[in-house]
Amino acid sequence: DRISFGSSITLNYGDRKYPRNGSEDQFLSTISQSPLYGPVLPDGSGRYTSRAYPFQSPNKNPVAVAENAFTRLNNYFMQGNIFLNVKILDGLDWKTSGGLTYGFTK
C-alpha cells in the first residue's frame, strides 16, 4: 500500500456530585448540633429541624446538609487524532499527523 491513513477518537463524560463545602461543613454541623432534638420534625412532614428551642440561634442540620447540600459537575472531554502516510520510494515515507483535545466543565 502506497497510502495509508487512520484516525482515533476518545470521548469521555463525567457526572460528579459532592458536598458543596466539603467534609468540614458536615463535621462542624455534627459536633455543634444540639442533642435535644432529632434531624426531622416530629409532625411527620419530613421537614428538617434547625433548633431545639424557639429563641435558640439556628444551626446547620447535619442530616439536611448530607441530603441536600451538593454541587454537581458535568465534565466533557474529547480527543481526536488523524494521520496520513505516503510511501514515496522504498525506504522513503512521508507522514503527517494531527490531533485535537477539547474539554469543558458545566
PDB file of N, CA and C in Angstrom:
ATOM      1  N   ASP A   1       0.845  -1.188   0.000  1.00  0.00           N
ATOM      2  CA  ASP A   1       0.000   0.000   0.000  1.00  0.00           C
ATOM      3  C   ASP A   1       0.883   1.242   0.000  1.00  0.00           C
ATOM      4  N   ARG A   2       0.618   2.118  -0.941  1.00  0.00           N
ATOM      5  CA  ARG A   2       1.404   3.354  -1.029  1.00  0.00           C
ATOM      6  C   ARG A   2       0.861   4.431  -0.092  1.00  0.00           C
ATOM      7  N   ILE A   3      -0.428   4.420   0.158  1.00  0.00           N
ATOM      8  CA  ILE A   3      -1.038   5.447   1.018  1.00  0.00           C
ATOM      9  C   ILE A   3      -1.808   4.745   2.137  1.00  0.00           C
ATOM     10  N   SER A   4      -1.574   5.201   3.337  1.00  0.00           N
ATOM     11  CA  SER A   4      -2.353   4.698   4.473  1.00  0.00           C
ATOM     12  C   SER A   4      -2.759   5.881   5.349  1.00  0.00           C
ATOM     13  N   PHE A   5      -3.888   5.727   5.975  1.00  0.00           N
ATOM     14  CA  PHE A   5      -4.375   6.791   6.861  1.00  0.00           C
ATOM     15  C   PHE A   5      -5.191   6.150   7.974  1.00  0.00           C
ATOM     16  N   GLY A   6      -5.392   6.913   9.017  1.00  0.00           N
ATOM     17  CA  GLY A   6      -6.166   6.398  10.135  1.00  0.00           C
ATOM     18  C   GLY A   6      -6.589   7.512  11.070  1.00  0.00           C
ATOM     19  N   SER A   7      -7.434   7.151  11.963  1.00  0.00           N
ATOM     20  CA  SER A   7      -7.927   8.135  12.938  1.00  0.00           C
ATOM     21  C   SER A   7      -8.335   7.412  14.216  1.00  0.00           C
ATOM     22  N   SER A   8      -8.404   8.186  15.260  1.00  0.00           N
ATOM     23  CA  SER A   8      -8.930   7.668  16.520  1.00  0.00           C
ATOM     24  C   SER A   8      -9.629   8.812  17.238  1.00  0.00           C
ATOM     25  N   ILE A   9     -10.612   8.462  18.008  1.00  0.00           N
ATOM     26  CA  ILE A   9     -11.336   9.471  18.777  1.00  0.00           C
ATOM     27  C   ILE A   9     -11.684   8.881  20.142  1.00  0.00           C
ATOM     28  N   THR A  10     -11.553   9.705  21.146  1.00  0.00           N
ATOM     29  CA  THR A  10     -11.893   9.313  22.507  1.00  0.00           C
ATOM     30  C   THR A  10     -12.883  10.322  23.055  1.00  0.00           C
ATOM     31  N   LEU A  11     -13.990   9.845  23.556  1.00  0.00           N
ATOM     32  CA  LEU A  11     -14.997  10.699  24.176  1.00  0.00           C
ATOM     33  C   LEU A  11     -15.170  10.267  25.625  1.00  0.00           C
ATOM     34  N   ASN A  12     -15.313  11.238  26.501  1.00  0.00           N
ATOM     35  CA  ASN A  12     -15.475  10.927  27.915  1.00  0.00           C
ATOM     36  C   ASN A  12     -16.466  11.908  28.527  1.00  0.00           C
ATOM     37  N   TYR A  13     -17.320  11.392  29.386  1.00  0.00           N
ATOM     38  CA  TYR A  13     -18.292  12.217  30.096  1.00  0.00           C
ATOM     39  C   TYR A  13     -18.256  11.816  31.564  1.00  0.00           C
ATOM     40  N   GLY A  14     -18.223  12.805  32.438  1.00  0.00           N
ATOM     41  CA  GLY A  14     -18.235  12.533  33.872  1.00  0.00           C
ATOM     42  C   GLY A  14     -19.310  13.341  34.564  1.00  0.00           C
ATOM     43  N   ASP A  15     -19.994  12.722  35.480  1.00  0.00           N
ATOM     44  CA  ASP A  15     -21.042  13.381  36.265  1.00  0.00           C
ATOM     45  C   ASP A  15     -20.653  13.222  37.728  1.00  0.00           C
ATOM     46  N   ARG A  16     -20.292  14.332  38.367  1.00  0.00           N
ATOM     47  CA  ARG A  16     -19.793  14.275  39.742  1.00  0.00           C
ATOM     48  C   ARG A  16     -20.720  15.048  40.661  1.00  0.00           C
ATOM     49  N   LYS A  17     -21.096  14.431  41.750  1.00  0.00           N
ATOM     50  CA  LYS A  17     -21.936  15.059  42.761  1.00  0.00           C
ATOM     51  C   LYS A  17     -21.209  14.937  44.095  1.00  0.00           C
ATOM     52  N   TYR A  18     -20.975  16.067  44.760  1.00  0.00           N
ATOM     53  CA  TYR A  18     -20.210  16.035  46.003  1.00  0.00           C
ATOM     54  C   TYR A  18     -20.693  17.127  46.943  1.00  0.00           C
ATOM     55  N   PRO A  19     -20.393  17.023  48.232  1.00  0.00           N
ATOM     56  CA  PRO A  19     -20.828  18.043  49.193  1.00  0.00           C
ATOM     57  C   PRO A  19     -20.261  19.414  48.834  1.00  0.00           C
ATOM     58  N   ARG A  20     -21.111  20.403  48.890  1.00  0.00           N
ATOM     59  CA  ARG A  20     -20.749  21.753  48.462  1.00  0.00           C
ATOM     60  C   ARG A  20     -19.564  22.319  49.232  1.00  0.00           C
ATOM     61  N   ASN A  21     -19.546  22.163  50.547  1.00  0.00           N
ATOM     62  CA  ASN A  21     -18.495  22.757  51.362  1.00  0.00           C
ATOM     63  C   ASN A  21     -17.484  21.740  51.864  1.00  0.00           C
ATOM     64  N   GLY A  22     -17.475  20.568  51.321  1.00  0.00           N
ATOM     65  CA  GLY A  22     -16.528  19.552  51.752  1.00  0.00           C
ATOM     66  C   GLY A  22     -16.939  18.915  53.069  1.00  0.00           C
ATOM     67  N   SER A  23     -16.068  18.107  53.601  1.00  0.00           N
ATOM     68  CA  SER A  23     -16.392  17.371  54.820  1.00  0.00           C
ATOM     69  C   SER A  23     -16.336  18.246  56.069  1.00  0.00           C
ATOM     70  N   GLU A  24     -15.655  19.403  55.995  1.00  0.00           N
ATOM     71  CA  GLU A  24     -15.570  20.262  57.179  1.00  0.00           C
ATOM     72  C   GLU A  24     -16.954  20.740  57.612  1.00  0.00           C
ATOM     73  N   ASP A  25     -17.783  21.105  56.644  1.00  0.00           N
ATOM     74  CA  ASP A  25     -19.118  21.603  56.959  1.00  0.00           C
ATOM     75  C   ASP A  25     -19.942  20.538  57.678  1.00  0.00           C
ATOM     76  N   GLN A  26     -19.872  19.328  57.201  1.00  0.00           N
ATOM     77  CA  GLN A  26     -20.618  18.231  57.812  1.00  0.00           C
ATOM     78  C   GLN A  26     -20.092  17.945  59.215  1.00  0.00           C
ATOM     79  N   PHE A  27     -18.787  17.940  59.387  1.00  0.00           N
ATOM     80  CA  PHE A  27     -18.186  17.659  60.690  1.00  0.00           C
ATOM     81  C   PHE A  27     -18.556  18.741  61.703  1.00  0.00           C
ATOM     82  N   LEU A  28     -18.407  20.004  61.333  1.00  0.00           N
ATOM     83  CA  LEU A  28     -18.723  21.094  62.260  1.00  0.00           C
ATOM     84  C   LEU A  28     -20.208  21.125  62.610  1.00  0.00           C
ATOM     85  N   SER A  29     -21.068  20.842  61.643  1.00  0.00           N
ATOM     86  CA  SER A  29     -22.503  20.797  61.924  1.00  0.00           C
ATOM     87  C   SER A  29     -22.838  19.686  62.908  1.00  0.00           C
ATOM     88  N   THR A  30     -22.178  18.570  62.781  1.00  0.00           N
ATOM     89  CA  THR A  30     -22.450  17.433  63.662  1.00  0.00           C
ATOM     90  C   THR A  30     -22.032  17.720  65.099  1.00  0.00           C
ATOM     91  N   ILE A  31     -20.844  18.279  65.304  1.00  0.00           N
ATOM     92  CA  ILE A  31     -20.394  18.493  66.683  1.00  0.00           C
ATOM     93  C   ILE A  31     -21.056  19.702  67.343  1.00  0.00           C
ATOM     94  N   SER A  32     -21.618  20.619  66.563  1.00  0.00           N
ATOM     95  CA  SER A  32     -22.257  21.793  67.171  1.00  0.00           C
ATOM     96  C   SER A  32     -23.776  21.652  67.267  1.00  0.00           C
ATOM     97  N   GLN A  33     -24.328  20.556  66.791  1.00  0.00           N
ATOM     98  CA  GLN A  33     -25.774  20.342  66.817  1.00  0.00           C
ATOM     99  C   GLN A  33     -26.232  19.970  68.223  1.00  0.00           C
ATOM    100  N   SER A  34     -27.366  20.478  68.606  1.00  0.00           N
ATOM    101  CA  SER A  34     -27.921  20.162  69.921  1.00  0.00           C
ATOM    102  C   SER A  34     -28.420  18.717  69.958  1.00  0.00           C
ATOM    103  N   PRO A  35     -28.124  17.976  71.023  1.00  0.00           N
ATOM    104  CA  PRO A  35     -28.617  16.600  71.126  1.00  0.00           C
ATOM    105  C   PRO A  35     -30.067  16.526  71.598  1.00  0.00           C
ATOM    106  N   LEU A  36     -30.730  17.673  71.782  1.00  0.00           N
ATOM    107  CA  LEU A  36     -32.084  17.686  72.325  1.00  0.00           C
ATOM    108  C   LEU A  36     -33.182  17.490  71.283  1.00  0.00           C
ATOM    109  N   TYR A  37     -32.840  17.457  70.028  1.00  0.00           N
ATOM    110  CA  TYR A  37     -33.868  17.258  69.007  1.00  0.00           C
ATOM    111  C   TYR A  37     -33.334  16.394  67.871  1.00  0.00           C
ATOM    112  N   GLY A  38     -34.249  15.763  67.185  1.00  0.00           N
ATOM    113  CA  GLY A  38     -33.890  14.890  66.074  1.00  0.00           C
ATOM    114  C   GLY A  38     -33.678  15.679  64.791  1.00  0.00           C
ATOM    115  N   PRO A  39     -33.289  15.006  63.732  1.00  0.00           N
ATOM    116  CA  PRO A  39     -32.994  15.700  62.483  1.00  0.00           C
ATOM    117  C   PRO A  39     -34.223  16.197  61.723  1.00  0.00           C
ATOM    118  N   VAL A  40     -35.392  15.558  61.947  1.00  0.00           N
ATOM    119  CA  VAL A  40     -36.620  15.994  61.264  1.00  0.00           C
ATOM    120  C   VAL A  40     -37.691  16.324  62.291  1.00  0.00           C
ATOM    121  N   LEU A  41     -38.656  17.123  61.872  1.00  0.00           N
ATOM    122  CA  LEU A  41     -39.743  17.499  62.770  1.00  0.00           C
ATOM    123  C   LEU A  41     -40.587  16.279  63.129  1.00  0.00           C
ATOM    124  N   PRO A  42     -41.081  16.198  64.350  1.00  0.00           N
ATOM    125  CA  PRO A  42     -41.857  15.026  64.766  1.00  0.00           C
ATOM    126  C   PRO A  42     -43.267  14.981  64.173  1.00  0.00           C
ATOM    127  N   ASP A  43     -43.689  15.994  63.423  1.00  0.00           N
ATOM    128  CA  ASP A  43     -45.051  16.011  62.874  1.00  0.00           C
ATOM    129  C   ASP A  43     -45.217  15.134  61.635  1.00  0.00           C
ATOM    130  N   GLY A  44     -44.140  14.500  61.164  1.00  0.00           N
ATOM    131  CA  GLY A  44     -44.235  13.602  60.018  1.00  0.00           C
ATOM    132  C   GLY A  44     -44.170  14.301  58.672  1.00  0.00           C
ATOM    133  N   SER A  45     -43.926  15.597  58.648  1.00  0.00           N
ATOM    134  CA  SER A  45     -43.895  16.343  57.388  1.00  0.00           C
ATOM    135  C   SER A  45     -42.618  16.101  56.592  1.00  0.00           C
ATOM    136  N   GLY A  46     -41.580  15.590  57.243  1.00  0.00           N
ATOM    137  CA  GLY A  46     -40.308  15.373  56.565  1.00  0.00           C
ATOM    138  C   GLY A  46     -39.415  16.601  56.532  1.00  0.00           C
ATOM    139  N   ARG A  47     -39.893  17.715  57.098  1.00  0.00           N
ATOM    140  CA  ARG A  47     -39.084  18.934  57.144  1.00  0.00           C
ATOM    141  C   ARG A  47     -37.997  18.786  58.199  1.00  0.00           C
ATOM    142  N   TYR A  48     -36.889  19.462  57.973  1.00  0.00           N
ATOM    143  CA  TYR A  48     -35.744  19.374  58.881  1.00  0.00           C
ATOM    144  C   TYR A  48     -35.884  20.361  60.033  1.00  0.00           C
ATOM    145  N   THR A  49     -35.349  19.978  61.188  1.00  0.00           N
ATOM    146  CA  THR A  49     -35.316  20.886  62.334  1.00  0.00           C
ATOM    147  C   THR A  49     -34.055  21.733  62.261  1.00  0.00           C
ATOM    148  N   SER A  50     -34.128  22.922  62.874  1.00  0.00           N
ATOM    149  CA  SER A  50     -32.945  23.783  62.879  1.00  0.00           C
ATOM    150  C   SER A  50     -32.586  24.273  64.270  1.00  0.00           C
ATOM    151  N   ARG A  51     -33.447  24.019  65.254  1.00  0.00           N
ATOM    152  CA  ARG A  51     -33.162  24.467  66.626  1.00  0.00           C
ATOM    153  C   ARG A  51     -33.986  23.662  67.620  1.00  0.00           C
ATOM    154  N   ALA A  52     -33.524  23.640  68.845  1.00  0.00           N
ATOM    155  CA  ALA A  52     -34.218  22.901  69.900  1.00  0.00           C
ATOM    156  C   ALA A  52     -35.268  23.759  70.594  1.00  0.00           C
ATOM    157  N   TYR A  53     -35.016  25.044  70.710  1.00  0.00           N
ATOM    158  CA  TYR A  53     -35.921  25.966  71.407  1.00  0.00           C
ATOM    159  C   TYR A  53     -36.274  27.124  70.480  1.00  0.00           C
ATOM    160  N   PRO A  54     -37.414  27.778  70.689  1.00  0.00           N
ATOM    161  CA  PRO A  54     -37.835  28.858  69.797  1.00  0.00           C
ATOM    162  C   PRO A  54     -36.837  30.010  69.674  1.00  0.00           C
ATOM    163  N   PHE A  55     -36.106  30.343  70.733  1.00  0.00           N
ATOM    164  CA  PHE A  55     -35.213  31.500  70.675  1.00  0.00           C
ATOM    165  C   PHE A  55     -33.740  31.120  70.525  1.00  0.00           C
ATOM    166  N   GLN A  56     -33.479  29.867  70.253  1.00  0.00           N
ATOM    167  CA  GLN A  56     -32.105  29.418  70.036  1.00  0.00           C
ATOM    168  C   GLN A  56     -31.684  29.815  68.620  1.00  0.00           C
ATOM    169  N   SER A  57     -30.419  30.214  68.465  1.00  0.00           N
ATOM    170  CA  SER A  57     -29.983  30.567  67.114  1.00  0.00           C
ATOM    171  C   SER A  57     -29.864  29.287  66.283  1.00  0.00           C
ATOM    172  N   PRO A  58     -30.282  29.310  65.025  1.00  0.00           N
ATOM    173  CA  PRO A  58     -30.301  28.089  64.213  1.00  0.00           C
ATOM    174  C   PRO A  58     -28.896  27.624  63.838  1.00  0.00           C
ATOM    175  N   ASN A  59     -28.807  26.356  63.599  1.00  0.00           N
ATOM    176  CA  ASN A  59     -27.558  25.734  63.195  1.00  0.00           C
ATOM    177  C   ASN A  59     -27.843  24.878  61.967  1.00  0.00           C
ATOM    178  N   LYS A  60     -26.812  24.542  61.227  1.00  0.00           N
ATOM    179  CA  LYS A  60     -27.000  23.653  60.083  1.00  0.00           C
ATOM    180  C   LYS A  60     -27.302  22.252  60.592  1.00  0.00           C
ATOM    181  N   ASN A  61     -28.355  21.692  60.094  1.00  0.00           N
ATOM    182  CA  ASN A  61     -28.742  20.330  60.440  1.00  0.00           C
ATOM    183  C   ASN A  61     -27.855  19.378  59.628  1.00  0.00           C
ATOM    184  N   PRO A  62     -27.065  18.501  60.277  1.00  0.00           N
ATOM    185  CA  PRO A  62     -26.153  17.642  59.522  1.00  0.00           C
ATOM    186  C   PRO A  62     -26.859  16.686  58.568  1.00  0.00           C
ATOM    187  N   VAL A  63     -28.060  16.243  58.909  1.00  0.00           N
ATOM    188  CA  VAL A  63     -28.806  15.366  58.001  1.00  0.00           C
ATOM    189  C   VAL A  63     -29.250  16.153  56.771  1.00  0.00           C
ATOM    190  N   ALA A  64     -29.711  17.387  56.970  1.00  0.00           N
ATOM    191  CA  ALA A  64     -30.108  18.228  55.840  1.00  0.00           C
ATOM    192  C   ALA A  64     -28.913  18.541  54.945  1.00  0.00           C
ATOM    193  N   VAL A  65     -27.768  18.800  55.547  1.00  0.00           N
ATOM    194  CA  VAL A  65     -26.558  19.067  54.763  1.00  0.00           C
ATOM    195  C   VAL A  65     -26.180  17.830  53.950  1.00  0.00           C
ATOM    196  N   ALA A  66     -26.230  16.655  54.562  1.00  0.00           N
ATOM    197  CA  ALA A  66     -25.856  15.415  53.872  1.00  0.00           C
ATOM    198  C   ALA A  66     -26.805  15.086  52.730  1.00  0.00           C
ATOM    199  N   GLU A  67     -28.080  15.411  52.877  1.00  0.00           N
ATOM    200  CA  GLU A  67     -29.060  15.034  51.861  1.00  0.00           C
ATOM    201  C   GLU A  67     -29.274  16.087  50.781  1.00  0.00           C
ATOM    202  N   ASN A  68     -28.944  17.353  51.053  1.00  0.00           N
ATOM    203  CA  ASN A  68     -29.320  18.407  50.111  1.00  0.00           C
ATOM    204  C   ASN A  68     -28.208  19.332  49.649  1.00  0.00           C
ATOM    205  N   ALA A  69     -27.151  19.491  50.388  1.00  0.00           N
ATOM    206  CA  ALA A  69     -26.131  20.491  50.056  1.00  0.00           C
ATOM    207  C   ALA A  69     -25.074  19.895  49.136  1.00  0.00           C
ATOM    208  N   PHE A  70     -25.416  19.734  47.866  1.00  0.00           N
ATOM    209  CA  PHE A  70     -24.495  19.136  46.910  1.00  0.00           C
ATOM    210  C   PHE A  70     -24.214  20.075  45.752  1.00  0.00           C
ATOM    211  N   THR A  71     -23.045  19.914  45.194  1.00  0.00           N
ATOM    212  CA  THR A  71     -22.667  20.572  43.954  1.00  0.00           C
ATOM    213  C   THR A  71     -22.542  19.487  42.901  1.00  0.00           C
ATOM    214  N   ARG A  72     -22.964  19.806  41.697  1.00  0.00           N
ATOM    215  CA  ARG A  72     -22.901  18.830  40.619  1.00  0.00           C
ATOM    216  C   ARG A  72     -22.064  19.399  39.479  1.00  0.00           C
ATOM    217  N   LEU A  73     -21.129  18.612  38.984  1.00  0.00           N
ATOM    218  CA  LEU A  73     -20.298  18.998  37.851  1.00  0.00           C
ATOM    219  C   LEU A  73     -20.448  17.968  36.745  1.00  0.00           C
ATOM    220  N   ASN A  74     -20.597  18.450  35.525  1.00  0.00           N
ATOM    221  CA  ASN A  74     -20.604  17.585  34.354  1.00  0.00           C
ATOM    222  C   ASN A  74     -19.351  17.902  33.548  1.00  0.00           C
ATOM    223  N   ASN A  75     -18.492  16.918  33.361  1.00  0.00           N
ATOM    224  CA  ASN A  75     -17.248  17.085  32.613  1.00  0.00           C
ATOM    225  C   ASN A  75     -17.372  16.413  31.253  1.00  0.00           C
ATOM    226  N   TYR A  76     -16.942  17.126  30.219  1.00  0.00           N
ATOM    227  CA  TYR A  76     -16.957  16.610  28.855  1.00  0.00           C
ATOM    228  C   TYR A  76     -15.527  16.674  28.309  1.00  0.00           C
ATOM    229  N   PHE A  77     -15.098  15.629  27.617  1.00  0.00           N
ATOM    230  CA  PHE A  77     -13.739  15.572  27.103  1.00  0.00           C
ATOM    231  C   PHE A  77     -13.739  14.841  25.767  1.00  0.00           C
ATOM    232  N   MET A  78     -12.984  15.387  24.802  1.00  0.00           N
ATOM    233  CA  MET A  78     -12.835  14.744  23.500  1.00  0.00           C
ATOM    234  C   MET A  78     -11.378  14.850  23.066  1.00  0.00           C
ATOM    235  N   GLN A  79     -10.858  13.769  22.522  1.00  0.00           N
ATOM    236  CA  GLN A  79      -9.516  13.774  21.963  1.00  0.00           C
ATOM    237  C   GLN A  79      -9.567  13.023  20.649  1.00  0.00           C
ATOM    238  N   GLY A  80      -9.086  13.657  19.581  1.00  0.00           N
ATOM    239  CA  GLY A  80      -9.088  13.029  18.268  1.00  0.00           C
ATOM    240  C   GLY A  80      -7.727  13.141  17.603  1.00  0.00           C
ATOM    241  N   ASN A  81      -7.354  12.126  16.844  1.00  0.00           N
ATOM    242  CA  ASN A  81      -6.082  12.099  16.121  1.00  0.00           C
ATOM    243  C   ASN A  81      -6.313  11.540  14.726  1.00  0.00           C
ATOM    244  N   ILE A  82      -5.562  12.078  13.758  1.00  0.00           N
ATOM    245  CA  ILE A  82      -5.583  11.540  12.394  1.00  0.00           C
ATOM    246  C   ILE A  82      -4.140  11.465  11.893  1.00  0.00           C
ATOM    247  N   PHE A  83      -3.901  10.584  10.926  1.00  0.00           N
ATOM    248  CA  PHE A  83      -2.575  10.523  10.304  1.00  0.00           C
ATOM    249  C   PHE A  83      -2.722  10.117   8.843  1.00  0.00           C
ATOM    250  N   LEU A  84      -1.720  10.503   8.068  1.00  0.00           N
ATOM    251  CA  LEU A  84      -1.630  10.135   6.654  1.00  0.00           C
ATOM    252  C   LEU A  84      -0.187   9.742   6.393  1.00  0.00           C
ATOM    253  N   ASN A  85       0.017   8.590   5.790  1.00  0.00           N
ATOM    254  CA  ASN A  85       1.351   8.096   5.475  1.00  0.00           C
ATOM    255  C   ASN A  85       1.404   7.785   3.984  1.00  0.00           C
ATOM    256  N   VAL A  86       2.367   8.414   3.276  1.00  0.00           N
ATOM    257  CA  VAL A  86       2.532   8.194   1.834  1.00  0.00           C
ATOM    258  C   VAL A  86       3.927   7.609   1.606  1.00  0.00           C
ATOM    259  N   LYS A  87       3.953   6.453   0.929  1.00  0.00           N
ATOM    260  CA  LYS A  87       5.238   5.826   0.607  1.00  0.00           C
ATOM    261  C   LYS A  87       5.693   6.387  -0.736  1.00  0.00           C
ATOM    262  N   ILE A  88       6.723   7.229  -0.709  1.00  0.00           N
ATOM    263  CA  ILE A  88       7.208   7.883  -1.928  1.00  0.00           C
ATOM    264  C   ILE A  88       8.117   6.926  -2.704  1.00  0.00           C
ATOM    265  N   LEU A  89       9.120   6.389  -2.061  1.00  0.00           N
ATOM    266  CA  LEU A  89      10.045   5.406  -2.636  1.00  0.00           C
ATOM    267  C   LEU A  89      10.293   4.331  -1.588  1.00  0.00           C
ATOM    268  N   ASP A  90      10.929   3.260  -1.986  1.00  0.00           N
ATOM    269  CA  ASP A  90      11.308   2.252  -0.994  1.00  0.00           C
ATOM    270  C   ASP A  90      12.238   2.889   0.027  1.00  0.00           C
ATOM    271  N   GLY A  91      11.875   2.832   1.279  1.00  0.00           N
ATOM    272  CA  GLY A  91      12.675   3.409   2.349  1.00  0.00           C
ATOM    273  C   GLY A  91      12.434   4.892   2.572  1.00  0.00           C
ATOM    274  N   LEU A  92      11.539   5.514   1.788  1.00  0.00           N
ATOM    275  CA  LEU A  92      11.255   6.942   1.960  1.00  0.00           C
ATOM    276  C   LEU A  92       9.745   7.126   2.102  1.00  0.00           C
ATOM    277  N   ASP A  93       9.328   7.476   3.298  1.00  0.00           N
ATOM    278  CA  ASP A  93       7.905   7.706   3.586  1.00  0.00           C
ATOM    279  C   ASP A  93       7.701   9.151   4.018  1.00  0.00           C
ATOM    280  N   TRP A  94       6.561   9.649   3.697  1.00  0.00           N
ATOM    281  CA  TRP A  94       6.160  10.978   4.182  1.00  0.00           C
ATOM    282  C   TRP A  94       4.941  10.767   5.082  1.00  0.00           C
ATOM    283  N   LYS A  95       5.042  11.294   6.291  1.00  0.00           N
ATOM    284  CA  LYS A  95       3.957  11.091   7.248  1.00  0.00           C
ATOM    285  C   LYS A  95       3.569  12.432   7.855  1.00  0.00           C
ATOM    286  N   THR A  96       2.280  12.650   7.981  1.00  0.00           N
ATOM    287  CA  THR A  96       1.777  13.829   8.674  1.00  0.00           C
ATOM    288  C   THR A  96       0.668  13.378   9.622  1.00  0.00           C
ATOM    289  N   SER A  97       0.557  14.083  10.711  1.00  0.00           N
ATOM    290  CA  SER A  97      -0.473  13.721  11.689  1.00  0.00           C
ATOM    291  C   SER A  97      -0.926  14.973  12.418  1.00  0.00           C
ATOM    292  N   GLY A  98      -2.083  14.871  13.011  1.00  0.00           N
ATOM    293  CA  GLY A  98      -2.626  15.991  13.776  1.00  0.00           C
ATOM    294  C   GLY A  98      -3.567  15.482  14.850  1.00  0.00           C
ATOM    295  N   GLY A  99      -3.777  16.326  15.806  1.00  0.00           N
ATOM    296  CA  GLY A  99      -4.660  15.935  16.899  1.00  0.00           C
ATOM    297  C   GLY A  99      -5.348  17.130  17.513  1.00  0.00           C
ATOM    298  N   LEU A 100      -6.415  16.845  18.222  1.00  0.00           N
ATOM    299  CA  LEU A 100      -7.193  17.885  18.880  1.00  0.00           C
ATOM    300  C   LEU A 100      -7.654  17.349  20.228  1.00  0.00           C
ATOM    301  N   THR A 101      -7.511  18.173  21.231  1.00  0.00           N
ATOM    302  CA  THR A 101      -8.015  17.844  22.561  1.00  0.00           C
ATOM    303  C   THR A 101      -8.921  18.979  23.003  1.00  0.00           C
ATOM    304  N   TYR A 102     -10.111  18.628  23.480  1.00  0.00           N
ATOM    305  CA  TYR A 102     -11.068  19.644  23.906  1.00  0.00           C
ATOM    306  C   TYR A 102     -11.824  19.129  25.128  1.00  0.00           C
ATOM    307  N   GLY A 103     -11.972  19.981  26.100  1.00  0.00           N
ATOM    308  CA  GLY A 103     -12.727  19.600  27.287  1.00  0.00           C
ATOM    309  C   GLY A 103     -13.333  20.817  27.952  1.00  0.00           C
ATOM    310  N   PHE A 104     -14.451  20.615  28.608  1.00  0.00           N
ATOM    311  CA  PHE A 104     -15.066  21.697  29.370  1.00  0.00           C
ATOM    312  C   PHE A 104     -15.906  21.118  30.497  1.00  0.00           C
ATOM    313  N   THR A 105     -16.170  21.966  31.458  1.00  0.00           N
ATOM    314  CA  THR A 105     -16.958  21.585  32.624  1.00  0.00           C
ATOM    315  C   THR A 105     -18.174  22.479  32.706  1.00  0.00           C
ATOM    316  N   LYS A 106     -19.307  21.880  32.991  1.00  0.00           N
ATOM    317  CA  LYS A 106     -20.560  22.640  33.084  1.00  0.00           C
ATOM    318  C   LYS A 106     -21.192  22.409  34.429  1.00  0.00           C
TER     319      LYS A 106
END
